[in-house]
N, C-alpha and C. Protein backbone atom coordinates (compact mmCIF):
# COMPACT_ATOMS: atom_id res chain seq x y z
N MET A 1 -4.93 46.44 -39.68
CA MET A 1 -4.14 47.00 -38.37
C MET A 1 -3.28 45.55 -37.98
N ARG A 2 -2.06 45.60 -37.72
CA ARG A 2 -1.34 44.76 -37.25
C ARG A 2 -1.24 44.62 -35.96
N ARG A 3 -1.36 43.27 -35.40
CA ARG A 3 -1.30 43.07 -33.89
C ARG A 3 -0.15 43.18 -33.25
N THR A 4 -0.16 43.97 -32.06
CA THR A 4 0.91 43.81 -31.23
C THR A 4 0.82 43.23 -29.82
N GLY A 5 2.03 42.95 -29.20
CA GLY A 5 1.82 42.41 -28.10
C GLY A 5 1.90 40.69 -28.26
N THR A 6 1.54 40.17 -26.86
CA THR A 6 1.78 38.84 -26.97
C THR A 6 0.58 37.95 -27.56
N THR A 7 0.99 36.87 -28.50
CA THR A 7 0.16 36.00 -28.99
C THR A 7 -0.04 34.66 -28.00
N ARG A 8 -1.17 34.05 -28.39
CA ARG A 8 -1.09 32.60 -27.52
C ARG A 8 -0.18 31.81 -27.94
N ARG A 9 0.24 31.68 -29.23
CA ARG A 9 1.40 31.16 -29.62
C ARG A 9 2.74 31.26 -29.08
N GLY A 10 2.77 32.74 -28.97
CA GLY A 10 4.08 33.07 -28.47
C GLY A 10 4.22 32.71 -26.99
N ALA A 11 2.82 33.00 -26.17
CA ALA A 11 2.65 32.61 -24.74
C ALA A 11 3.23 31.26 -24.43
N LEU A 12 2.80 30.43 -25.60
CA LEU A 12 2.80 28.80 -25.27
C LEU A 12 4.29 28.73 -25.18
N ALA A 13 4.81 29.06 -26.45
CA ALA A 13 6.30 28.79 -26.60
C ALA A 13 7.11 29.26 -25.50
N ALA A 14 6.88 30.39 -25.00
CA ALA A 14 7.30 30.93 -23.88
C ALA A 14 7.47 30.26 -22.62
N THR A 15 6.30 29.66 -22.31
CA THR A 15 5.97 28.86 -21.18
C THR A 15 6.71 27.41 -21.43
N GLY A 16 6.89 27.19 -22.70
CA GLY A 16 7.52 25.88 -22.79
C GLY A 16 8.76 25.95 -22.56
N ALA A 17 9.40 26.92 -23.10
CA ALA A 17 11.14 27.34 -22.97
C ALA A 17 11.10 27.05 -21.34
N LEU A 18 10.35 28.04 -20.71
CA LEU A 18 10.67 28.07 -19.17
C LEU A 18 10.76 27.05 -18.43
N ALA A 19 9.52 26.14 -18.96
CA ALA A 19 9.39 24.94 -18.27
C ALA A 19 10.74 23.93 -18.29
N ALA A 20 11.19 23.86 -19.81
CA ALA A 20 12.35 23.10 -20.25
C ALA A 20 13.68 23.84 -19.45
N GLY A 21 13.67 24.91 -19.42
CA GLY A 21 14.77 25.63 -18.50
C GLY A 21 14.71 25.00 -17.14
N ALA A 22 13.48 25.06 -16.65
CA ALA A 22 13.35 24.80 -15.35
C ALA A 22 13.92 23.25 -15.09
N VAL A 23 13.12 22.36 -16.02
CA VAL A 23 13.71 21.08 -15.45
C VAL A 23 15.37 20.76 -15.88
N LEU A 24 15.86 21.51 -16.75
CA LEU A 24 17.49 21.38 -17.39
C LEU A 24 17.96 21.88 -16.39
N SER A 25 17.73 22.96 -15.05
CA SER A 25 18.57 23.62 -14.45
C SER A 25 18.61 22.71 -13.15
N GLY A 26 17.39 21.98 -13.06
CA GLY A 26 17.76 20.55 -12.07
C GLY A 26 18.42 19.66 -12.29
N CYS A 27 19.36 19.82 -13.27
CA CYS A 27 19.96 18.54 -13.75
C CYS A 27 21.46 19.13 -13.39
N GLY A 28 22.30 18.80 -12.55
CA GLY A 28 23.33 19.11 -12.09
C GLY A 28 24.47 18.14 -12.34
N SER A 29 25.69 18.44 -11.64
CA SER A 29 26.58 17.44 -11.53
C SER A 29 26.37 16.31 -10.83
N ASP A 30 27.14 15.11 -10.97
CA ASP A 30 26.84 13.91 -10.37
C ASP A 30 27.42 14.12 -8.93
N ASP A 31 28.32 15.02 -9.02
CA ASP A 31 29.28 15.02 -7.60
C ASP A 31 28.57 15.61 -6.36
N GLU A 32 27.59 16.56 -6.60
CA GLU A 32 26.74 17.27 -5.52
C GLU A 32 25.32 16.75 -5.71
N ASP A 33 24.57 16.73 -4.40
CA ASP A 33 23.17 16.30 -4.53
C ASP A 33 22.46 17.85 -4.61
N ALA A 34 21.10 17.89 -4.32
CA ALA A 34 20.52 19.10 -4.30
C ALA A 34 20.82 20.02 -2.93
N SER A 35 21.31 19.37 -1.98
CA SER A 35 21.64 20.22 -0.63
C SER A 35 22.99 20.63 -0.66
N GLY A 36 23.81 20.40 -1.92
CA GLY A 36 25.23 20.62 -2.01
C GLY A 36 26.10 19.74 -1.20
N GLY A 37 25.37 18.44 -0.72
CA GLY A 37 26.41 17.64 -0.29
C GLY A 37 26.93 16.49 -1.35
N THR A 38 27.86 16.02 -1.04
CA THR A 38 28.92 15.31 -1.81
C THR A 38 28.17 13.84 -2.31
N LYS A 39 28.73 13.09 -3.27
CA LYS A 39 28.05 12.01 -3.69
C LYS A 39 27.91 10.71 -2.44
N GLY A 40 28.91 10.93 -1.62
CA GLY A 40 29.04 10.14 -0.30
C GLY A 40 27.51 10.14 0.37
N SER A 41 27.06 11.81 0.76
CA SER A 41 26.17 11.92 1.44
C SER A 41 24.65 11.43 0.72
N ALA A 42 24.60 11.35 -0.33
CA ALA A 42 23.93 11.21 -1.63
C ALA A 42 23.69 9.61 -1.12
N HIS A 43 24.89 8.70 -0.94
CA HIS A 43 24.62 7.22 -1.09
C HIS A 43 24.30 6.94 0.45
N ALA A 44 24.89 7.73 1.65
CA ALA A 44 24.24 7.40 2.74
C ALA A 44 22.86 7.71 2.80
N HIS A 45 22.13 8.95 2.32
CA HIS A 45 20.60 8.98 2.04
C HIS A 45 19.79 7.95 1.49
N GLY A 46 20.52 7.43 0.21
CA GLY A 46 20.06 6.31 -0.75
C GLY A 46 19.80 5.07 0.40
N ALA A 47 20.56 4.90 1.13
CA ALA A 47 21.14 3.45 2.28
C ALA A 47 20.11 3.60 3.01
N SER A 48 19.96 4.74 3.69
CA SER A 48 18.61 4.87 4.66
C SER A 48 17.47 4.91 4.42
N SER A 49 17.25 5.41 2.94
CA SER A 49 15.89 5.30 2.48
C SER A 49 15.46 3.85 2.21
N VAL A 50 16.50 3.24 1.82
CA VAL A 50 16.42 1.52 1.73
C VAL A 50 16.10 1.09 2.91
N ARG A 51 16.82 1.33 4.06
CA ARG A 51 16.51 0.56 5.31
C ARG A 51 15.14 1.03 5.80
N ALA A 52 14.55 2.25 5.61
CA ALA A 52 13.16 2.91 5.96
C ALA A 52 12.31 2.40 5.03
N GLU A 53 12.74 1.78 4.04
CA GLU A 53 11.40 1.27 2.89
C GLU A 53 11.41 -0.46 3.32
N LYS A 54 12.49 -0.73 3.69
CA LYS A 54 12.51 -2.52 4.21
C LYS A 54 11.55 -2.31 5.45
N ALA A 55 11.72 -1.20 6.26
CA ALA A 55 11.00 -1.27 7.68
C ALA A 55 9.72 -1.12 7.42
N LEU A 56 9.15 -0.49 6.43
CA LEU A 56 7.80 -0.35 6.14
C LEU A 56 7.26 -1.51 5.76
N ARG A 57 8.09 -2.31 4.86
CA ARG A 57 7.45 -3.40 3.95
C ARG A 57 7.33 -4.39 5.27
N THR A 58 8.50 -4.49 6.25
CA THR A 58 8.28 -5.37 7.08
C THR A 58 7.00 -5.31 8.15
N GLY A 59 6.35 -3.95 8.31
CA GLY A 59 5.46 -3.74 9.27
C GLY A 59 4.06 -4.06 8.37
N ALA A 60 4.17 -3.98 6.93
CA ALA A 60 3.09 -4.44 6.16
C ALA A 60 2.77 -5.40 6.05
N THR A 61 4.01 -6.36 5.98
CA THR A 61 3.97 -7.79 6.01
C THR A 61 3.46 -8.45 7.00
N ARG A 62 3.98 -8.04 8.33
CA ARG A 62 3.38 -8.21 9.38
C ARG A 62 1.78 -8.51 9.74
N THR A 63 1.60 -7.20 9.54
CA THR A 63 -0.16 -6.77 9.29
C THR A 63 -0.93 -8.02 8.35
N THR A 64 -0.29 -8.12 7.07
CA THR A 64 -0.71 -8.98 6.33
C THR A 64 -0.86 -10.52 6.66
N ALA A 65 0.26 -10.83 7.19
CA ALA A 65 0.40 -12.26 7.70
C ALA A 65 -0.60 -12.46 8.77
N THR A 66 -0.76 -11.96 9.71
CA THR A 66 -1.67 -11.57 10.76
C THR A 66 -3.25 -11.87 10.23
N LEU A 67 -3.24 -10.87 9.14
CA LEU A 67 -4.67 -10.95 8.73
C LEU A 67 -5.06 -12.18 7.91
N LEU A 68 -4.30 -13.03 7.15
CA LEU A 68 -3.99 -14.38 6.47
C LEU A 68 -3.87 -15.17 7.64
N ALA A 69 -3.56 -15.33 8.70
CA ALA A 69 -3.79 -16.25 10.04
C ALA A 69 -5.05 -16.20 10.21
N GLY A 70 -5.90 -14.92 10.51
CA GLY A 70 -7.22 -14.75 10.67
C GLY A 70 -8.14 -15.44 9.88
N TYR A 71 -7.96 -15.47 8.73
CA TYR A 71 -8.87 -16.07 7.53
C TYR A 71 -8.70 -17.52 7.83
N GLU A 72 -7.26 -18.18 8.05
CA GLU A 72 -7.01 -19.47 7.88
C GLU A 72 -7.77 -20.04 9.24
N HIS A 73 -7.81 -19.18 10.53
CA HIS A 73 -8.31 -19.73 11.80
C HIS A 73 -9.85 -20.07 11.43
N VAL A 74 -10.24 -18.80 10.95
CA VAL A 74 -11.83 -19.16 10.86
C VAL A 74 -12.48 -19.86 9.79
N LEU A 75 -11.40 -20.35 8.75
CA LEU A 75 -11.87 -21.16 7.85
C LEU A 75 -11.60 -22.69 8.40
N ARG A 76 -10.67 -22.80 9.39
CA ARG A 76 -10.83 -23.93 9.98
C ARG A 76 -11.80 -24.29 11.31
N ALA A 77 -12.04 -23.00 11.81
CA ALA A 77 -13.23 -23.11 12.95
C ALA A 77 -14.65 -23.20 12.19
N HIS A 78 -14.82 -22.68 11.24
CA HIS A 78 -16.04 -22.70 10.74
C HIS A 78 -16.29 -22.97 8.94
N PRO A 79 -15.82 -24.14 8.94
CA PRO A 79 -15.87 -24.56 7.42
C PRO A 79 -17.08 -24.18 6.29
N THR A 80 -18.03 -23.73 7.03
CA THR A 80 -19.37 -23.61 6.29
C THR A 80 -19.04 -22.42 5.54
N THR A 81 -17.98 -21.40 6.05
CA THR A 81 -17.77 -20.09 5.57
C THR A 81 -16.71 -20.14 4.24
N ALA A 82 -16.26 -21.24 3.98
CA ALA A 82 -15.33 -21.62 3.11
C ALA A 82 -15.34 -21.08 1.62
N THR A 83 -16.56 -21.11 1.02
CA THR A 83 -17.12 -20.54 -0.32
C THR A 83 -16.76 -19.36 -0.44
N ALA A 84 -17.45 -18.57 0.85
CA ALA A 84 -17.38 -16.95 0.45
C ALA A 84 -15.95 -16.48 1.12
N LEU A 85 -15.11 -17.06 1.88
CA LEU A 85 -13.97 -16.56 2.41
C LEU A 85 -12.82 -16.87 1.70
N THR A 86 -12.77 -17.86 0.94
CA THR A 86 -11.65 -18.64 0.17
C THR A 86 -11.01 -17.51 -0.72
N PRO A 87 -11.82 -17.30 -1.88
CA PRO A 87 -11.54 -16.07 -2.60
C PRO A 87 -10.76 -14.75 -1.73
N LEU A 88 -11.27 -14.35 -0.79
CA LEU A 88 -10.79 -13.17 0.06
C LEU A 88 -9.36 -13.61 0.42
N ARG A 89 -9.36 -14.72 0.97
CA ARG A 89 -7.94 -15.01 1.74
C ARG A 89 -7.39 -15.32 0.83
N ASP A 90 -7.62 -15.90 -0.55
CA ASP A 90 -6.61 -15.70 -1.52
C ASP A 90 -5.82 -14.41 -1.82
N ALA A 91 -6.73 -13.49 -2.06
CA ALA A 91 -6.20 -12.11 -2.28
C ALA A 91 -5.41 -11.60 -1.26
N VAL A 92 -5.63 -12.06 0.06
CA VAL A 92 -4.88 -11.57 1.12
C VAL A 92 -3.40 -12.07 1.05
N ARG A 93 -3.54 -13.31 0.45
CA ARG A 93 -2.08 -14.20 0.50
C ARG A 93 -1.37 -13.63 -1.00
N ALA A 94 -2.11 -13.21 -1.75
CA ALA A 94 -1.28 -12.41 -2.80
C ALA A 94 -0.97 -11.17 -2.50
N HIS A 95 -1.58 -10.61 -1.32
CA HIS A 95 -0.94 -9.21 -1.09
C HIS A 95 0.47 -9.52 -0.50
N LEU A 96 0.27 -10.47 0.43
CA LEU A 96 1.56 -11.04 1.23
C LEU A 96 2.57 -11.32 0.37
N GLU A 97 2.26 -11.90 -0.72
CA GLU A 97 3.64 -12.14 -1.56
C GLU A 97 4.20 -10.87 -2.43
N ALA A 98 3.05 -9.83 -2.47
CA ALA A 98 3.57 -8.65 -3.41
C ALA A 98 4.33 -7.94 -2.23
N LEU A 99 3.83 -7.74 -1.07
CA LEU A 99 4.51 -6.92 -0.03
C LEU A 99 6.08 -7.43 0.45
N SER A 100 6.09 -8.62 0.31
CA SER A 100 7.39 -9.53 0.87
C SER A 100 7.90 -10.46 -0.32
N PRO A 101 8.30 -9.73 -1.39
CA PRO A 101 8.90 -10.58 -2.73
C PRO A 101 9.96 -11.79 -2.58
N GLU A 102 11.04 -11.09 -1.37
CA GLU A 102 12.29 -11.96 -1.61
C GLU A 102 11.89 -13.51 -0.76
N LYS A 103 10.97 -13.25 0.23
CA LYS A 103 10.49 -14.55 0.67
C LYS A 103 9.23 -14.52 1.45
N THR A 104 8.56 -15.75 1.47
CA THR A 104 7.26 -15.78 2.36
C THR A 104 7.56 -15.79 3.80
N PRO A 105 7.12 -14.70 4.44
CA PRO A 105 6.96 -15.00 5.93
C PRO A 105 5.66 -15.86 6.58
N ALA A 106 6.36 -16.35 7.67
CA ALA A 106 5.55 -17.38 8.47
C ALA A 106 4.37 -16.07 8.90
N LEU A 107 3.00 -17.29 8.69
CA LEU A 107 2.10 -16.65 9.15
C LEU A 107 2.03 -15.95 10.56
N GLY A 108 1.35 -14.87 10.86
CA GLY A 108 1.34 -14.59 12.10
C GLY A 108 0.01 -15.28 13.05
N THR A 109 -0.08 -14.58 14.22
CA THR A 109 -1.18 -15.67 14.81
C THR A 109 -2.34 -14.70 15.35
N ALA A 110 -3.49 -15.43 15.11
CA ALA A 110 -4.72 -14.74 15.32
C ALA A 110 -5.95 -15.80 15.59
N ARG A 111 -6.55 -15.57 16.40
CA ARG A 111 -7.33 -16.60 17.06
C ARG A 111 -8.73 -15.57 17.45
N SER A 112 -10.04 -16.33 16.66
CA SER A 112 -11.01 -15.73 16.60
C SER A 112 -11.60 -16.33 17.91
N ARG A 113 -12.15 -15.44 18.76
CA ARG A 113 -13.19 -15.94 19.75
C ARG A 113 -14.51 -16.03 19.44
N ALA A 114 -14.96 -16.11 18.47
CA ALA A 114 -16.20 -15.83 17.81
C ALA A 114 -16.88 -17.65 17.84
N ALA A 115 -18.12 -17.51 18.36
CA ALA A 115 -18.23 -18.87 18.46
C ALA A 115 -19.24 -19.30 17.20
N THR A 116 -19.88 -18.19 16.68
CA THR A 116 -20.72 -18.60 15.59
C THR A 116 -19.93 -18.06 13.91
N PRO A 117 -20.22 -18.62 12.98
CA PRO A 117 -19.69 -18.27 11.59
C PRO A 117 -19.82 -16.66 11.44
N ALA A 118 -21.21 -16.06 11.92
CA ALA A 118 -21.35 -14.75 11.44
C ALA A 118 -20.61 -13.56 12.54
N ALA A 119 -20.25 -14.27 13.73
CA ALA A 119 -19.32 -13.36 14.44
C ALA A 119 -18.04 -13.68 14.08
N ALA A 120 -17.65 -14.93 13.60
CA ALA A 120 -16.38 -14.81 13.07
C ALA A 120 -16.10 -14.02 11.66
N VAL A 121 -16.94 -13.81 10.83
CA VAL A 121 -16.89 -13.05 9.79
C VAL A 121 -16.64 -11.57 10.37
N LYS A 122 -17.59 -11.18 11.12
CA LYS A 122 -17.64 -9.89 11.86
C LYS A 122 -16.06 -9.65 12.06
N GLU A 123 -15.71 -10.19 12.70
CA GLU A 123 -14.17 -10.22 13.49
C GLU A 123 -13.16 -9.90 12.17
N LEU A 124 -13.45 -10.97 11.29
CA LEU A 124 -12.59 -10.63 10.02
C LEU A 124 -13.09 -9.33 9.52
N ALA A 125 -14.29 -8.55 9.43
CA ALA A 125 -14.35 -7.46 8.84
C ALA A 125 -13.71 -6.15 9.68
N ALA A 126 -13.43 -6.49 10.72
CA ALA A 126 -12.97 -5.67 11.58
C ALA A 126 -11.36 -5.64 11.47
N ALA A 127 -10.82 -6.78 11.45
CA ALA A 127 -9.55 -6.98 11.05
C ALA A 127 -9.05 -6.39 9.35
N GLU A 128 -9.81 -6.57 8.80
CA GLU A 128 -9.74 -5.96 7.66
C GLU A 128 -9.54 -4.18 7.67
N ARG A 129 -10.66 -3.70 8.03
CA ARG A 129 -10.71 -2.48 8.46
C ARG A 129 -9.32 -1.95 9.23
N SER A 130 -8.67 -2.85 10.32
CA SER A 130 -7.74 -2.39 10.94
C SER A 130 -6.40 -2.41 10.21
N ALA A 131 -6.42 -3.24 9.24
CA ALA A 131 -5.43 -3.48 8.35
C ALA A 131 -5.19 -2.36 7.35
N ALA A 132 -6.62 -2.25 6.81
CA ALA A 132 -6.83 -0.80 5.98
C ALA A 132 -6.10 0.41 6.40
N ASP A 133 -6.53 0.47 7.54
CA ASP A 133 -6.10 1.70 8.50
C ASP A 133 -4.42 1.58 8.60
N ALA A 134 -4.04 0.34 9.13
CA ALA A 134 -2.63 0.29 9.06
C ALA A 134 -1.74 0.71 7.93
N TYR A 135 -2.10 0.26 6.67
CA TYR A 135 -1.53 0.30 5.30
C TYR A 135 -1.49 1.90 5.18
N THR A 136 -2.68 2.46 5.19
CA THR A 136 -2.85 4.08 5.05
C THR A 136 -1.81 4.78 5.99
N ALA A 137 -1.50 4.23 6.97
CA ALA A 137 -0.77 5.27 7.90
C ALA A 137 0.66 4.88 7.49
N LEU A 138 1.08 3.58 6.81
CA LEU A 138 2.43 3.47 6.28
C LEU A 138 2.59 4.14 5.22
N LEU A 139 1.52 3.87 4.31
CA LEU A 139 2.14 4.79 3.03
C LEU A 139 2.45 6.13 2.99
N LEU A 140 1.77 6.99 3.91
CA LEU A 140 2.05 8.53 4.15
C LEU A 140 3.81 8.41 4.00
N LYS A 141 4.46 7.52 4.76
CA LYS A 141 5.86 7.34 4.99
C LYS A 141 6.67 6.77 3.50
N ALA A 142 5.99 6.08 2.76
CA ALA A 142 6.58 5.15 2.03
C ALA A 142 6.90 6.31 0.69
N PRO A 143 7.94 5.46 0.05
CA PRO A 143 8.40 6.18 -1.36
C PRO A 143 7.62 5.51 -2.52
N GLY A 144 7.49 6.22 -3.54
CA GLY A 144 6.66 5.96 -4.81
C GLY A 144 6.09 4.54 -4.96
N GLU A 145 6.68 3.71 -5.56
CA GLU A 145 6.36 2.27 -6.02
C GLU A 145 5.73 1.48 -4.45
N LEU A 146 6.28 1.57 -3.39
CA LEU A 146 5.64 1.15 -2.22
C LEU A 146 4.28 1.65 -1.79
N ALA A 147 4.36 3.15 -2.05
CA ALA A 147 3.23 3.97 -1.60
C ALA A 147 1.88 3.27 -2.46
N ARG A 148 2.26 3.20 -3.64
CA ARG A 148 1.38 2.91 -4.71
C ARG A 148 0.78 1.68 -4.08
N LEU A 149 1.57 0.28 -3.90
CA LEU A 149 1.26 -0.87 -3.50
C LEU A 149 0.32 -0.51 -2.29
N LEU A 150 1.22 -0.23 -1.27
CA LEU A 150 0.30 0.03 0.14
C LEU A 150 -1.58 0.81 -0.36
N ALA A 151 -1.15 1.68 -1.11
CA ALA A 151 -2.64 2.31 -1.35
C ALA A 151 -3.50 1.21 -2.02
N SER A 152 -2.82 0.38 -2.87
CA SER A 152 -3.96 -0.53 -3.64
C SER A 152 -4.47 -1.78 -2.33
N VAL A 153 -3.19 -2.17 -1.38
CA VAL A 153 -3.84 -3.21 -0.61
C VAL A 153 -4.73 -2.38 0.60
N ALA A 154 -4.62 -1.12 0.67
CA ALA A 154 -5.36 -0.56 1.51
C ALA A 154 -6.91 -0.41 1.08
N ALA A 155 -6.88 -0.54 -0.29
CA ALA A 155 -8.26 -0.28 -1.05
C ALA A 155 -9.06 -1.65 -0.94
N ALA A 156 -8.24 -2.38 -1.22
CA ALA A 156 -8.44 -3.87 -1.05
C ALA A 156 -9.28 -4.62 -0.05
N CYS A 157 -8.32 -4.01 1.16
CA CYS A 157 -8.89 -4.53 2.53
C CYS A 157 -10.39 -3.69 2.75
N ALA A 158 -10.13 -2.30 2.47
CA ALA A 158 -11.55 -1.76 2.47
C ALA A 158 -12.69 -2.30 1.92
N ALA A 159 -12.23 -2.87 0.66
CA ALA A 159 -13.49 -3.50 0.03
C ALA A 159 -13.97 -5.05 0.76
N HIS A 160 -12.86 -5.76 1.13
CA HIS A 160 -12.74 -6.70 1.83
C HIS A 160 -14.11 -6.81 2.97
N ALA A 161 -13.66 -5.68 3.54
CA ALA A 161 -14.20 -5.37 5.01
C ALA A 161 -15.94 -5.23 4.72
N TYR A 162 -16.19 -4.05 3.65
CA TYR A 162 -17.51 -4.11 3.09
C TYR A 162 -18.16 -5.63 2.86
N LEU A 163 -17.57 -6.20 2.05
CA LEU A 163 -18.15 -7.35 1.75
C LEU A 163 -18.09 -8.47 2.97
N LEU A 164 -17.30 -8.45 3.72
CA LEU A 164 -17.44 -9.17 4.97
C LEU A 164 -18.31 -8.69 5.87
N THR A 165 -18.82 -7.55 5.76
CA THR A 165 -19.66 -6.88 6.84
C THR A 165 -21.19 -7.43 6.16
N GLU A 166 -21.30 -7.32 4.99
CA GLU A 166 -22.28 -7.69 4.28
C GLU A 166 -22.57 -9.26 4.55
N LEU A 167 -21.62 -9.82 4.25
CA LEU A 167 -21.69 -11.46 4.55
C LEU A 167 -22.20 -12.00 5.72
N ALA A 168 -21.55 -11.41 6.74
CA ALA A 168 -21.82 -11.42 8.15
C ALA A 168 -23.54 -11.21 8.37
N LYS A 169 -24.10 -10.31 7.54
CA LYS A 169 -25.57 -10.26 8.10
C LYS A 169 -26.17 -11.37 7.29
N GLU A 170 -25.68 -11.98 6.25
CA GLU A 170 -26.47 -13.06 5.30
C GLU A 170 -25.96 -14.53 6.17
N THR A 171 -24.85 -14.57 6.90
CA THR A 171 -24.81 -15.61 7.55
C THR A 171 -25.46 -16.25 8.68
N PRO A 172 -26.07 -17.51 8.79
CA PRO A 172 -26.38 -17.91 9.97
C PRO A 172 -25.67 -17.92 11.44
N ALA A 173 -26.45 -17.42 12.15
CA ALA A 173 -25.78 -16.98 13.57
C ALA A 173 -25.49 -18.43 14.38
């Protein structure tokens, strides 16, 4: 007896054709954008998104520069922490360079009020957690590549916060 109806192969072919049609229908004329506007409005939208991305990068750069200044201050005030903090500080410096590729911004200002190395490390852990939260808030507004970068930097900050919290437990008061 011969089979009638739709086969798996036929269904997959039809699904593929529908998907290709949907993708191709999205390809329109360069003269109009998806909202029916002209090229000029698309250009204006592009310029505003570039400004928005620059503002997000500036905010992220400021956060990172302040965090790096905190590391520098703790390293100067408590040289005994250098072995543990230097690799983390170097990672924060790399984040700063990634977030601000055109130029290296001036360091922010951060002063530790901690009298002991353990307290200073705890302050750095809190600063890393705060920075991770700031990057996470920014990435919700960021476009593709910048969002991925901010997510990576936020994850690194969260890892640094964990490492610093553990280091504070081992650091003599």
